[in-house]
Amino acid sequence: MKYVLPKAEIAEEQETGALSNFNLPLNYIVPDFFGKLEKRGIKVFANPGDSETPYLIQDLDLDNKKLTKIWYLKASK
């Protein structure tokens, strides 16, 4: 499936490691990722659904064992 997402300012994080580390449920991934963003001074909504761009994307590169997490911060004008 494909979705057309709006142009936006994003925050991203890359992780490397064992593939088993990338198979975690969202209720673990989202609070951890948002906590890291807040430590970097990036404001996130307590309820991600309240954002005008509530998009969390995970891109798994199996060849290099890297997981990229992308959170849409705000839509570009």
C-alpha atoms as a PDB file:
ATOM      1  CA  MET A   1       0.000   0.000   0.000  1.00  0.00           C
ATOM      2  CA  LYS A   2       1.123   3.551  -0.678  1.00  0.00           C
ATOM      3  CA  TYR A   3       0.101   6.789   0.940  1.00  0.00           C
ATOM      4  CA  VAL A   4       0.809  10.319  -0.161  1.00  0.00           C
ATOM      5  CA  LEU A   5       1.929  12.229   2.914  1.00  0.00           C
ATOM      6  CA  PRO A   6       2.212  16.017   3.046  1.00  0.00           C
ATOM      7  CA  LYS A   7       5.535  17.790   2.872  1.00  0.00           C
ATOM      8  CA  ALA A   8       6.568  18.361   6.445  1.00  0.00           C
ATOM      9  CA  GLU A   9       9.321  19.017   8.916  1.00  0.00           C
ATOM     10  CA  ILE A  10      10.397  15.680  10.382  1.00  0.00           C
ATOM     11  CA  ALA A  11      12.463  14.234  13.200  1.00  0.00           C
ATOM     12  CA  GLU A  12      14.234  10.951  12.674  1.00  0.00           C
ATOM     13  CA  GLU A  13      16.331   8.440  14.534  1.00  0.00           C
ATOM     14  CA  GLN A  14      18.324   5.472  13.273  1.00  0.00           C
ATOM     15  CA  GLU A  15      19.027   2.323  15.229  1.00  0.00           C
ATOM     16  CA  THR A  16      21.274  -0.564  14.369  1.00  0.00           C
ATOM     17  CA  GLY A  17      21.467  -3.968  15.934  1.00  0.00           C
ATOM     18  CA  ALA A  18      19.947  -7.405  16.038  1.00  0.00           C
ATOM     19  CA  LEU A  19      16.775  -7.831  14.021  1.00  0.00           C
ATOM     20  CA  SER A  20      14.909  -9.026  17.121  1.00  0.00           C
ATOM     21  CA  ASN A  21      15.263  -5.489  18.553  1.00  0.00           C
ATOM     22  CA  PHE A  22      13.211  -4.136  15.650  1.00  0.00           C
ATOM     23  CA  ASN A  23      10.185  -6.314  16.360  1.00  0.00           C
ATOM     24  CA  LEU A  24       8.805  -4.379  19.324  1.00  0.00           C
ATOM     25  CA  PRO A  25       5.160  -3.319  19.819  1.00  0.00           C
ATOM     26  CA  LEU A  26       4.210   0.312  19.217  1.00  0.00           C
ATOM     27  CA  ASN A  27       3.284   0.853  22.865  1.00  0.00           C
ATOM     28  CA  TYR A  28       7.003   0.430  23.607  1.00  0.00           C
ATOM     29  CA  ILE A  29       8.436   2.177  20.538  1.00  0.00           C
ATOM     30  CA  VAL A  30       6.373   5.390  20.574  1.00  0.00           C
ATOM     31  CA  PRO A  31       6.987   6.526  24.205  1.00  0.00           C
ATOM     32  CA  ASP A  32      10.705   5.738  23.912  1.00  0.00           C
ATOM     33  CA  PHE A  33      11.053   7.604  20.603  1.00  0.00           C
ATOM     34  CA  PHE A  34       9.024  10.594  21.825  1.00  0.00           C
ATOM     35  CA  GLY A  35      11.077  10.729  25.028  1.00  0.00           C
ATOM     36  CA  LYS A  36      14.256  10.966  22.971  1.00  0.00           C
ATOM     37  CA  LEU A  37      12.731  13.731  20.842  1.00  0.00           C
ATOM     38  CA  GLU A  38      11.742  15.698  23.946  1.00  0.00           C
ATOM     39  CA  LYS A  39      15.298  15.405  25.306  1.00  0.00           C
ATOM     40  CA  ARG A  40      16.440  17.016  22.028  1.00  0.00           C
ATOM     41  CA  GLY A  41      14.028  19.904  22.682  1.00  0.00           C
ATOM     42  CA  ILE A  42      11.413  18.812  20.156  1.00  0.00           C
ATOM     43  CA  LYS A  43       7.830  19.280  21.335  1.00  0.00           C
ATOM     44  CA  VAL A  44       5.524  16.303  20.803  1.00  0.00           C
ATOM     45  CA  PHE A  45       1.858  15.905  21.644  1.00  0.00           C
ATOM     46  CA  ALA A  46       0.937  13.726  24.624  1.00  0.00           C
ATOM     47  CA  ASN A  47      -1.655  12.200  22.295  1.00  0.00           C
ATOM     48  CA  PRO A  48      -0.042  11.877  18.837  1.00  0.00           C
ATOM     49  CA  GLY A  49      -3.487  11.867  17.223  1.00  0.00           C
ATOM     50  CA  ASP A  50      -3.910  15.530  18.239  1.00  0.00           C
ATOM     51  CA  SER A  51      -1.138  16.555  15.845  1.00  0.00           C
ATOM     52  CA  GLU A  52      -2.032  17.908  12.409  1.00  0.00           C
ATOM     53  CA  THR A  53       0.469  15.386  11.037  1.00  0.00           C
ATOM     54  CA  PRO A  54       0.107  12.213  13.150  1.00  0.00           C
ATOM     55  CA  TYR A  55       2.465  10.100  11.046  1.00  0.00           C
ATOM     56  CA  LEU A  56       5.083   7.748  12.449  1.00  0.00           C
ATOM     57  CA  ILE A  57       7.012   5.846   9.819  1.00  0.00           C
ATOM     58  CA  GLN A  58       9.456   3.026  10.379  1.00  0.00           C
ATOM     59  CA  ASP A  59      11.789   2.017   7.570  1.00  0.00           C
ATOM     60  CA  LEU A  60      13.607  -1.267   8.125  1.00  0.00           C
ATOM     61  CA  ASP A  61      16.748  -1.913   6.070  1.00  0.00           C
ATOM     62  CA  LEU A  62      17.294  -5.654   6.429  1.00  0.00           C
ATOM     63  CA  ASP A  63      20.557  -5.662   4.466  1.00  0.00           C
ATOM     64  CA  ASN A  64      22.259  -3.223   6.843  1.00  0.00           C
ATOM     65  CA  LYS A  65      20.208  -4.080   9.964  1.00  0.00           C
ATOM     66  CA  LYS A  66      19.082  -0.483  10.429  1.00  0.00           C
ATOM     67  CA  LEU A  67      15.721   0.841  11.539  1.00  0.00           C
ATOM     68  CA  THR A  68      14.853   4.456  10.802  1.00  0.00           C
ATOM     69  CA  LYS A  69      11.987   6.050  12.741  1.00  0.00           C
ATOM     70  CA  ILE A  70      10.449   9.208  11.300  1.00  0.00           C
ATOM     71  CA  TRP A  71       7.900  11.434  13.069  1.00  0.00           C
ATOM     72  CA  TYR A  72       6.180  14.221  11.154  1.00  0.00           C
ATOM     73  CA  LEU A  73       6.429  17.379  13.278  1.00  0.00           C
ATOM     74  CA  LYS A  74       4.471  19.936  11.288  1.00  0.00           C
ATOM     75  CA  ALA A  75       3.233  20.394   7.752  1.00  0.00           C
ATOM     76  CA  SER A  76       5.201  22.647   5.439  1.00  0.00           C
ATOM     77  CA  LYS A  77       3.396  25.574   3.904  1.00  0.00           C
END
